[in-house]
Protein backbone atom coordinates (compact mmCIF):
# COMPACT_ATOMS: atom_id res chain seq x y z
CA UNK A 1 74.89 90.74 -41.23
CA UNK A 2 77.38 91.88 -43.89
CA UNK A 3 80.93 90.59 -44.39
CA UNK A 4 82.23 94.06 -45.19
CA UNK A 5 81.15 95.24 -41.73
CA UNK A 6 82.84 92.27 -40.05
CA UNK A 7 86.07 92.97 -41.94
CA UNK A 8 85.95 96.56 -40.71
CA UNK A 9 85.26 95.42 -37.15
CA UNK A 10 88.28 93.13 -37.11
CA UNK A 11 90.42 95.80 -38.82
CA UNK A 12 89.51 98.10 -35.91
CA UNK A 13 90.30 95.46 -33.30
CA UNK A 14 86.74 94.61 -32.30
CA UNK A 15 85.72 91.16 -31.05
CA UNK A 16 83.36 89.03 -33.13
CA UNK A 17 80.33 87.37 -31.56
CA UNK A 18 79.88 83.59 -31.89
CA UNK A 19 77.13 84.22 -34.44
CA UNK A 20 79.45 86.39 -36.52
CA UNK A 21 82.19 83.75 -36.51
CA UNK A 22 79.71 81.09 -37.65
CA UNK A 23 78.40 83.46 -40.35
CA UNK A 24 81.92 83.97 -41.72
CA UNK A 25 82.79 80.25 -41.76
CA UNK A 26 79.44 79.15 -43.21
CA UNK A 27 79.41 81.89 -45.85
CA UNK A 28 82.93 81.19 -47.03
CA UNK A 29 82.42 77.43 -47.12
CA UNK A 30 79.20 77.75 -49.12
CA UNK A 31 80.62 80.41 -51.45
CA UNK A 32 78.46 83.42 -50.54
CA UNK A 33 81.55 85.16 -49.13
CA UNK A 34 84.09 85.57 -51.95
CA UNK A 35 87.84 84.98 -51.71
CA UNK A 36 88.67 88.70 -51.80
CA UNK A 37 86.57 89.42 -48.72
CA UNK A 38 87.90 86.40 -46.83
CA UNK A 39 91.43 87.47 -47.74
CA UNK A 40 90.80 90.90 -46.27
CA UNK A 41 89.40 89.36 -43.08
CA UNK A 42 92.33 86.96 -42.77
CA UNK A 43 94.80 89.84 -43.11
CA UNK A 44 92.90 91.76 -40.43
CA UNK A 45 93.24 88.71 -38.17
CA UNK A 46 97.00 88.54 -38.87
CA UNK A 47 97.34 92.20 -37.86
CA UNK A 48 94.82 92.36 -35.00
CA UNK A 49 94.62 88.78 -33.74
CA UNK A 50 91.73 86.88 -32.19
CA UNK A 51 90.74 86.55 -28.55
CA UNK A 52 90.84 83.07 -26.96
CA UNK A 53 87.05 82.90 -27.20
CA UNK A 54 87.06 83.91 -30.88
CA UNK A 55 89.77 81.35 -31.63
CA UNK A 56 87.76 78.60 -29.95
CA UNK A 57 84.59 79.64 -31.79
CA UNK A 58 86.43 79.66 -35.13
CA UNK A 59 87.84 76.19 -34.39
CA UNK A 60 84.44 74.70 -33.59
CA UNK A 61 82.78 76.39 -36.58
CA UNK A 62 85.39 74.90 -38.92
CA UNK A 63 85.06 71.49 -37.26
CA UNK A 64 81.30 71.67 -37.78
CA UNK A 65 81.62 72.63 -41.47
CA UNK A 66 81.83 69.01 -42.59
CA UNK A 67 81.72 65.46 -41.27
CA UNK A 68 82.48 64.82 -37.62
CA UNK A 69 83.62 61.37 -36.62
CA UNK A 70 81.72 59.82 -33.71
CA UNK A 71 84.04 57.58 -31.71
CA UNK A 72 81.62 57.10 -28.81
CA UNK A 73 81.05 53.46 -29.81
CA UNK A 74 84.69 52.69 -28.97
CA UNK A 75 85.18 52.07 -25.24
CA UNK A 76 87.68 54.19 -23.33
CA UNK A 77 89.19 57.64 -23.72
CA UNK A 78 90.28 58.27 -27.30
CA UNK A 79 93.52 60.27 -27.38
CA UNK A 80 94.66 61.73 -30.69
CA UNK A 81 98.26 62.72 -31.44
CA UNK A 82 99.33 65.45 -33.82
CA UNK A 83 102.77 66.64 -34.94
CA UNK A 84 103.25 70.06 -36.50
CA UNK A 85 105.62 68.42 -38.99
CA UNK A 86 109.30 67.80 -39.39
CA UNK A 87 112.06 65.89 -41.14
CA UNK A 88 112.42 62.21 -40.30
CA UNK A 89 109.37 62.37 -38.03
CA UNK A 90 108.10 58.79 -38.00
CA UNK A 91 106.85 59.05 -34.40
CA UNK A 92 103.26 57.97 -35.14
CA UNK A 93 104.53 54.64 -36.48
CA UNK A 94 106.03 53.96 -33.05
CA UNK A 95 103.65 55.77 -30.71
CA UNK A 96 100.46 54.38 -32.26
CA UNK A 97 101.26 50.67 -31.70
CA UNK A 98 102.93 51.46 -28.37
CA UNK A 99 99.89 53.23 -26.92
CA UNK A 100 97.48 50.69 -28.44
CA UNK A 101 99.50 47.89 -26.81
CA UNK A 102 98.84 49.65 -23.49
CA UNK A 103 95.10 49.31 -24.11
CA UNK A 104 94.38 52.88 -25.21
CA UNK A 105 92.38 52.98 -28.48
CA UNK A 106 94.20 54.73 -31.34
CA UNK A 107 91.81 55.94 -34.05
CA UNK A 108 94.16 57.98 -36.22
CA UNK A 109 93.57 59.95 -39.38
CA UNK A 110 96.87 61.08 -40.87
CA UNK A 111 97.92 63.17 -43.83
CA UNK A 112 100.36 62.93 -46.71
CA UNK A 113 103.62 64.82 -46.82
CA UNK A 114 103.98 68.14 -48.61
CA UNK A 115 107.30 69.92 -49.10
CA UNK A 116 110.15 68.72 -46.91
CA UNK A 117 107.94 67.23 -44.17
CA UNK A 118 107.00 63.57 -44.60
CA UNK A 119 103.49 62.19 -44.17
CA UNK A 120 102.57 59.13 -42.12
CA UNK A 121 100.28 57.83 -44.86
CA UNK A 122 103.09 57.90 -47.45
CA UNK A 123 105.35 55.96 -45.09
CA UNK A 124 102.71 53.28 -44.48
CA UNK A 125 102.12 52.91 -48.23
CA UNK A 126 105.73 51.76 -48.60
CA UNK A 127 104.50 48.50 -47.01
CA UNK A 128 103.20 46.35 -49.89
CA UNK A 129 99.42 46.03 -49.85
CA UNK A 130 98.83 48.46 -46.97
CA UNK A 131 95.44 50.12 -47.52
CA UNK A 132 95.09 53.65 -46.16
CA UNK A 133 91.52 54.10 -47.40
CA UNK A 134 88.81 52.67 -45.15
CA UNK A 135 85.10 53.25 -44.79
CA UNK A 136 83.98 54.77 -41.52
CA UNK A 137 82.48 51.44 -40.48
CA UNK A 138 85.71 49.54 -41.28
CA UNK A 139 87.77 52.14 -39.45
CA UNK A 140 85.70 51.99 -36.26
CA UNK A 141 85.40 48.19 -36.36
CA UNK A 142 89.18 47.83 -36.67
CA UNK A 143 89.81 50.06 -33.64
CA UNK A 144 87.30 48.04 -31.63
CA UNK A 145 88.88 44.78 -32.83
CA UNK A 146 92.63 45.40 -32.43
CA UNK A 147 92.78 48.81 -30.76
CA UNK A 148 94.36 50.75 -33.63
CA UNK A 149 93.71 52.01 -37.16
CA UNK A 150 95.65 54.59 -39.17
CA UNK A 151 93.97 55.87 -42.32
CA UNK A 152 94.08 58.83 -44.69
CA UNK A 153 92.13 61.93 -43.81
CA UNK A 154 88.57 62.02 -45.09
CA UNK A 155 87.88 64.54 -47.82
CA UNK A 156 84.74 65.64 -45.98
CA UNK A 157 86.43 66.66 -42.72
CA UNK A 158 86.76 70.43 -42.09
CA UNK A 159 86.08 71.71 -45.64
CA UNK A 160 86.13 75.26 -44.24
CA UNK A 161 89.69 74.77 -43.04
CA UNK A 162 90.82 73.25 -46.34
CA UNK A 163 89.42 76.22 -48.25
CA UNK A 164 90.78 78.85 -45.85
CA UNK A 165 94.19 77.14 -45.66
CA UNK A 166 94.57 77.25 -49.44
CA UNK A 167 93.60 80.94 -49.45
CA UNK A 168 96.03 81.84 -46.66
CA UNK A 169 98.84 80.15 -48.54
CA UNK A 170 98.56 82.61 -51.45
CA UNK A 171 97.63 85.79 -49.55
CA UNK A 172 100.53 86.05 -47.06
CA UNK A 173 98.22 85.27 -44.15
CA UNK A 174 99.70 81.95 -42.99
CA UNK A 175 101.66 83.55 -40.13
CA UNK A 176 98.81 83.95 -37.66
CA UNK A 177 99.15 81.79 -34.56
CA UNK A 178 95.37 81.95 -34.07
CA UNK A 179 94.61 80.73 -37.61
CA UNK A 180 97.30 78.03 -37.42
CA UNK A 181 95.99 76.82 -34.05
CA UNK A 182 92.38 76.79 -35.24
CA UNK A 183 93.34 74.88 -38.38
CA UNK A 184 95.12 72.14 -36.43
CA UNK A 185 92.59 71.84 -33.63
CA UNK A 186 89.54 71.84 -35.92
CA UNK A 187 90.85 68.70 -37.64
CA UNK A 188 91.58 66.95 -34.33
CA UNK A 189 88.14 67.79 -32.93
CA UNK A 190 86.29 66.73 -36.09
CA UNK A 191 88.17 63.41 -35.92
CA UNK A 192 86.37 62.65 -32.65
CA UNK A 193 89.18 62.84 -30.09
CA UNK A 194 88.35 63.04 -26.39
CA UNK A 195 91.85 64.29 -25.61
CA UNK A 196 94.71 65.60 -27.77
CA UNK A 197 98.48 65.34 -27.50
CA UNK A 198 100.36 67.87 -29.62
CA UNK A 199 104.01 67.47 -30.66
CA UNK A 200 105.03 71.03 -31.53
CA UNK A 201 108.29 71.03 -33.47
CA UNK A 202 110.89 73.76 -33.00
CA UNK A 203 113.82 74.65 -35.24
CA UNK A 204 115.13 74.91 -38.79
CA UNK A 205 113.07 71.99 -40.09
CA UNK A 206 109.85 73.15 -38.40
CA UNK A 207 107.33 75.87 -39.16
CA UNK A 208 108.06 77.44 -35.79
CA UNK A 209 111.74 78.37 -35.80
CA UNK A 210 112.05 79.53 -32.17
CA UNK A 211 111.02 78.11 -28.80
CA UNK A 212 109.11 81.32 -28.08
CA UNK A 213 106.99 81.05 -31.25
CA UNK A 214 106.38 77.34 -30.70
CA UNK A 215 105.34 77.91 -27.10
CA UNK A 216 102.89 80.61 -28.18
CA UNK A 217 101.32 78.19 -30.67
CA UNK A 218 101.24 75.42 -28.06
CA UNK A 219 99.56 77.62 -25.45
CA UNK A 220 97.01 78.81 -28.00
CA UNK A 221 96.07 75.25 -28.95
CA UNK A 222 95.94 74.05 -25.35
CA UNK A 223 93.66 76.98 -24.53
CA UNK A 224 91.38 76.07 -27.45
CA UNK A 225 91.20 72.54 -26.06
CA UNK A 226 90.30 73.87 -22.60
CA UNK A 227 87.57 76.12 -23.98
CA UNK A 228 85.94 73.38 -26.05
CA UNK A 229 86.17 70.65 -23.41
CA UNK A 230 89.07 68.56 -24.81
CA UNK A 231 91.95 67.74 -22.50
CA UNK A 232 95.03 68.91 -24.40
CA UNK A 233 98.77 68.74 -23.71
CA UNK A 234 101.58 70.01 -25.94
CA UNK A 235 105.19 68.82 -25.97
CA UNK A 236 107.82 71.03 -27.62
CA UNK A 237 110.50 68.93 -29.35
CA UNK A 238 113.58 69.77 -31.38
CA UNK A 239 113.63 69.88 -35.18
CA UNK A 240 116.93 71.66 -35.77
CA UNK A 241 118.26 68.28 -36.92
CA UNK A 242 116.21 65.38 -38.34
CA UNK A 243 114.56 63.00 -35.89
CA UNK A 244 116.44 59.69 -35.86
CA UNK A 245 118.79 58.93 -38.74
CA UNK A 246 116.40 58.00 -41.58
CA UNK A 247 114.69 60.49 -43.92
CA UNK A 248 112.52 58.95 -46.64
CA UNK A 249 109.45 56.75 -46.55
CA UNK A 250 110.66 53.12 -46.59
CA UNK A 251 113.82 54.08 -44.70
CA UNK A 252 111.70 55.61 -41.95
CA UNK A 253 109.50 52.52 -41.70
CA UNK A 254 112.68 50.47 -41.22
CA UNK A 255 113.75 52.78 -38.43
CA UNK A 256 110.32 52.66 -36.78
CA UNK A 257 110.44 48.84 -36.82
CA UNK A 258 113.92 48.99 -35.24
CA UNK A 259 112.52 51.27 -32.55
CA UNK A 260 109.61 48.91 -31.87
CA UNK A 261 112.21 46.15 -31.60
CA UNK A 262 114.07 48.09 -28.90
CA UNK A 263 116.93 48.97 -31.27
CA UNK A 264 115.91 52.43 -32.45
CA UNK A 265 117.78 55.73 -32.25
CA UNK A 266 117.87 57.28 -28.79
CA UNK A 267 116.03 60.47 -29.81
CA UNK A 268 113.17 58.68 -31.59
CA UNK A 269 112.78 56.23 -28.71
CA UNK A 270 112.81 59.00 -26.09
CA UNK A 271 110.29 61.14 -27.98
CA UNK A 272 107.96 58.16 -28.55
CA UNK A 273 108.07 57.22 -24.87
CA UNK A 274 107.48 60.84 -23.82
CA UNK A 275 104.53 61.40 -26.16
CA UNK A 276 103.07 57.98 -25.37
CA UNK A 277 103.36 58.55 -21.62
CA UNK A 278 101.43 61.81 -21.88
CA UNK A 279 98.77 60.03 -23.95
CA UNK A 280 98.38 57.36 -21.26
CA UNK A 281 97.99 60.08 -18.64
CA UNK A 282 95.40 61.93 -20.75
CA UNK A 283 93.49 58.63 -21.01
CA UNK A 284 93.57 58.28 -17.22
CA UNK A 285 95.67 55.13 -17.29
CA UNK A 286 98.42 56.47 -14.97
CA UNK A 287 98.65 59.32 -12.51
CA UNK A 288 102.34 60.11 -12.99
CA UNK A 289 104.52 60.52 -16.03
CA UNK A 290 107.16 58.17 -14.59
CA UNK A 291 104.62 55.34 -14.17
CA UNK A 292 103.30 55.81 -17.71
CA UNK A 293 106.78 55.92 -19.25
CA UNK A 294 107.86 52.78 -17.36
CA UNK A 295 104.75 50.96 -18.60
CA UNK A 296 105.57 51.83 -22.21
CA UNK A 297 109.22 50.88 -21.78
CA UNK A 298 108.07 47.42 -20.68
CA UNK A 299 105.83 47.12 -23.76
CA UNK A 300 108.80 47.95 -26.01
CA UNK A 301 111.06 45.45 -24.28
CA UNK A 302 108.47 42.66 -24.25
CA UNK A 303 107.75 42.96 -27.99
CA UNK A 304 104.08 43.82 -27.38
CA UNK A 305 104.32 47.12 -29.27
CA UNK A 306 106.01 45.44 -32.24
CA UNK A 307 103.28 42.78 -32.29
CA UNK A 308 100.62 45.51 -32.30
CA UNK A 309 102.29 47.05 -35.37
CA UNK A 310 102.12 43.63 -37.04
CA UNK A 311 98.39 43.47 -36.23
CA UNK A 312 97.87 46.94 -37.71
CA UNK A 313 99.60 45.96 -40.96
CA UNK A 314 97.61 42.71 -41.21
CA UNK A 315 94.28 44.44 -40.55
CA UNK A 316 94.91 46.93 -43.38
CA UNK A 317 96.04 44.38 -45.93
CA UNK A 318 99.79 44.93 -45.71
CA UNK A 319 102.63 42.43 -45.95
CA UNK A 320 103.38 41.59 -42.31
CA UNK A 321 106.68 39.96 -43.26
CA UNK A 322 108.32 43.41 -43.27
CA UNK A 323 108.15 43.47 -39.46
CA UNK A 324 110.76 40.70 -39.32
CA UNK A 325 112.38 41.33 -42.69
CA UNK A 326 112.51 45.08 -43.51
CA UNK A 327 114.54 44.28 -46.65
CA UNK A 328 111.14 43.58 -48.27
CA UNK A 329 110.45 47.33 -48.22
CA UNK A 330 111.17 49.33 -51.40
CA UNK A 331 114.85 50.11 -51.91
CA UNK A 332 116.52 52.55 -54.27
CA UNK A 333 118.85 51.41 -57.06
CA UNK A 334 121.80 53.65 -56.17
CA UNK A 335 123.66 54.35 -52.94
CA UNK A 336 126.13 57.19 -52.58
CA UNK A 337 128.11 57.93 -49.42
CA UNK A 338 128.59 61.50 -48.27
CA UNK A 339 132.09 61.79 -46.78
CA UNK A 340 133.45 64.25 -44.24
CA UNK A 341 136.08 66.63 -45.60
CA UNK A 342 137.63 67.29 -42.20
CA UNK A 343 137.90 65.78 -38.73
CA UNK A 344 136.09 67.28 -35.76
CA UNK A 345 132.60 67.27 -34.33
CA UNK A 346 129.21 67.63 -36.03
CA UNK A 347 128.13 71.16 -35.11
CA UNK A 348 124.94 71.36 -37.19
CA UNK A 349 122.65 69.21 -39.34
CA UNK A 350 120.20 71.65 -40.88
CA UNK A 351 116.91 69.75 -40.89
CA UNK A 352 115.29 71.92 -43.54
CA UNK A 353 118.20 71.45 -45.97
CA UNK A 354 118.19 67.69 -45.37
CA UNK A 355 114.46 67.71 -46.04
CA UNK A 356 114.98 69.59 -49.28
CA UNK A 357 117.63 67.09 -50.32
CA UNK A 358 115.11 64.29 -49.78
CA UNK A 359 112.64 66.13 -52.03
CA UNK A 360 115.32 66.32 -54.76
CA UNK A 361 115.52 62.54 -54.56
CA UNK A 362 111.74 62.19 -54.85
CA UNK A 363 110.96 61.29 -51.22
CA UNK A 364 108.73 64.37 -50.83
CA UNK A 365 106.33 66.29 -53.02
CA UNK A 366 106.08 69.97 -53.89
CA UNK A 367 102.39 69.75 -54.87
CA UNK A 368 99.65 67.43 -53.64
CA UNK A 369 99.42 65.83 -57.09
CA UNK A 370 103.08 64.75 -57.28
CA UNK A 371 103.99 61.08 -57.05
CA UNK A 372 106.69 60.20 -54.55
CA UNK A 373 109.41 57.56 -54.72
CA UNK A 374 108.98 55.35 -51.66
CA UNK A 375 112.46 53.78 -51.77
CA UNK A 376 114.66 56.88 -51.89
CA UNK A 377 115.96 58.95 -49.02
CA UNK A 378 118.88 59.76 -46.76
CA UNK A 379 120.41 57.76 -43.93
CA UNK A 380 122.49 59.93 -41.63
CA UNK A 381 125.44 58.40 -39.82
CA UNK A 382 125.65 60.78 -36.87
CA UNK A 383 123.96 63.43 -34.76
CA UNK A 384 125.03 66.87 -33.58
CA UNK A 385 128.00 66.60 -31.15
CA UNK A 386 129.18 63.24 -32.57
CA UNK A 387 132.88 63.06 -33.54
CA UNK A 388 133.88 62.50 -37.18
CA UNK A 389 137.15 61.89 -38.99
CA UNK A 390 138.12 63.14 -42.44
CA UNK A 391 136.93 60.67 -45.06
CA UNK A 392 134.38 59.00 -42.77
CA UNK A 393 130.75 58.60 -43.80
CA UNK A 394 128.39 61.43 -42.79
CA UNK A 395 125.38 59.99 -44.61
CA UNK A 396 124.28 57.63 -47.36
CA UNK A 397 122.06 58.81 -50.20
CA UNK A 398 119.50 56.31 -51.56
CA UNK A 399 118.53 57.36 -55.08
CA UNK A 400 117.11 56.04 -58.32
CA UNK A 401 119.39 58.09 -60.57
CA UNK A 402 123.06 59.05 -60.30
CA UNK A 403 122.17 62.67 -61.07
CA UNK A 404 119.70 63.07 -58.20
CA UNK A 405 122.12 61.26 -55.89
CA UNK A 406 124.91 63.74 -56.65
CA UNK A 407 122.58 66.75 -56.28
CA UNK A 408 121.40 65.44 -52.92
CA UNK A 409 125.00 64.78 -51.84
CA UNK A 410 125.88 68.44 -52.42
CA UNK A 411 122.76 69.56 -50.50
CA UNK A 412 123.71 67.33 -47.57
CA UNK A 413 127.28 68.63 -47.53
CA UNK A 414 125.86 72.16 -47.28
CA UNK A 415 123.54 71.08 -44.45
CA UNK A 416 126.20 69.55 -42.20
CA UNK A 417 128.73 71.74 -40.42
CA UNK A 418 131.82 70.34 -38.66
CA UNK A 419 133.61 72.11 -35.82
CA UNK A 420 137.18 71.54 -34.72
CA UNK A 421 136.05 71.99 -31.11
CA UNK A 422 133.65 69.73 -29.14
CA UNK A 423 129.98 70.68 -29.40
CA UNK A 424 127.30 70.45 -26.73
CA UNK A 425 124.60 67.90 -27.47
CA UNK A 426 121.30 69.76 -28.03
CA UNK A 427 118.11 69.15 -26.08
CA UNK A 428 115.49 66.94 -27.67
CA UNK A 429 112.66 68.20 -25.45
CA UNK A 430 112.10 71.81 -24.43
CA UNK A 431 108.95 72.09 -22.37
CA UNK A 432 105.45 70.73 -21.85
CA UNK A 433 102.39 72.95 -22.00
CA UNK A 434 99.16 71.93 -20.27
CA UNK A 435 95.99 73.77 -19.29
CA UNK A 436 96.25 75.69 -16.03
């Protein structure tokens, strides 16, 4: 078997056999297939695509390229949750404790933020003492003990995907729905999930800018799940404006705690309840969405979900006092209000531009090696369709230098559009995709 022949086959639109897919993944991971040949193959995939069977085979081959977490020692159906990334997306901080409080084990490996999308691990590290590194034994024991653990992704999971992802980034081959879907699903499968809930973001702050593109990605991932025996459901949610009001690590933890206390923003609360309800259904806990959502609403109102978050922090060495006193979280030295220049209605809050403003402040990183500032960020004061008056506060910038605060203020002003006429409130949720 020669790689040059397989490149030619895919260039000509032919379908690879399972053995050929495994040969490609194994050879590239081990180094016998060089970058230039893998680049040519990836471009052929971008242009010709993969069949559903090929996509599933590629996913499983990448999952098998490194460690695979065995969660079979944890009782119950293990449901993993994945977001395709967005601005202000602190959903895992709410959904994890909420679902765990319902008795569904949450064994979550999360990543760090890169670019304008924040990472769950960075947010959790804004809690003093919180340890995101755990041995496999500690991780599994914690899930068995309290029902939840959230740790950083292991360096040994899906090495084939890590290598291919880096190559795609510099060879203009990122935009393949089959390669994106395989990348995401290989990590979820290697992490040991029995079932997978996908939150596919749509809009200016998301990778998928249109509902059509997001739905194609969702259907591709759900089909992979079906082919490899993992129950998978995808929810399409809006990312044309940031989720909630807070953007920035400590600020987002504050907002997640407010949500777990029953005082969170409507959109974050609704998304958390929706995602959590689907996770309960995937675990077989409820037959209908309405029953599952009602169960989770009760757990929010009773304080059980907030208490589960406290248990998570304690188990991973964090300062549990932040649950009742969020002022203990890191806070920036400077605050600068962003004021409306005219009266009217908020017509647009460009999520990507808000995300970029947060990176200017230091809340995000442009390379994996960059240090982030946990206390800085942006706190919006309204959502699309809300009324504003000239001189009123649109947002507050939290910064550690006057210069970065002013730069971020200008970015935020460019991101927010105000209309003289009333604006229709946008949908938070678009559609749900499940296997047929």
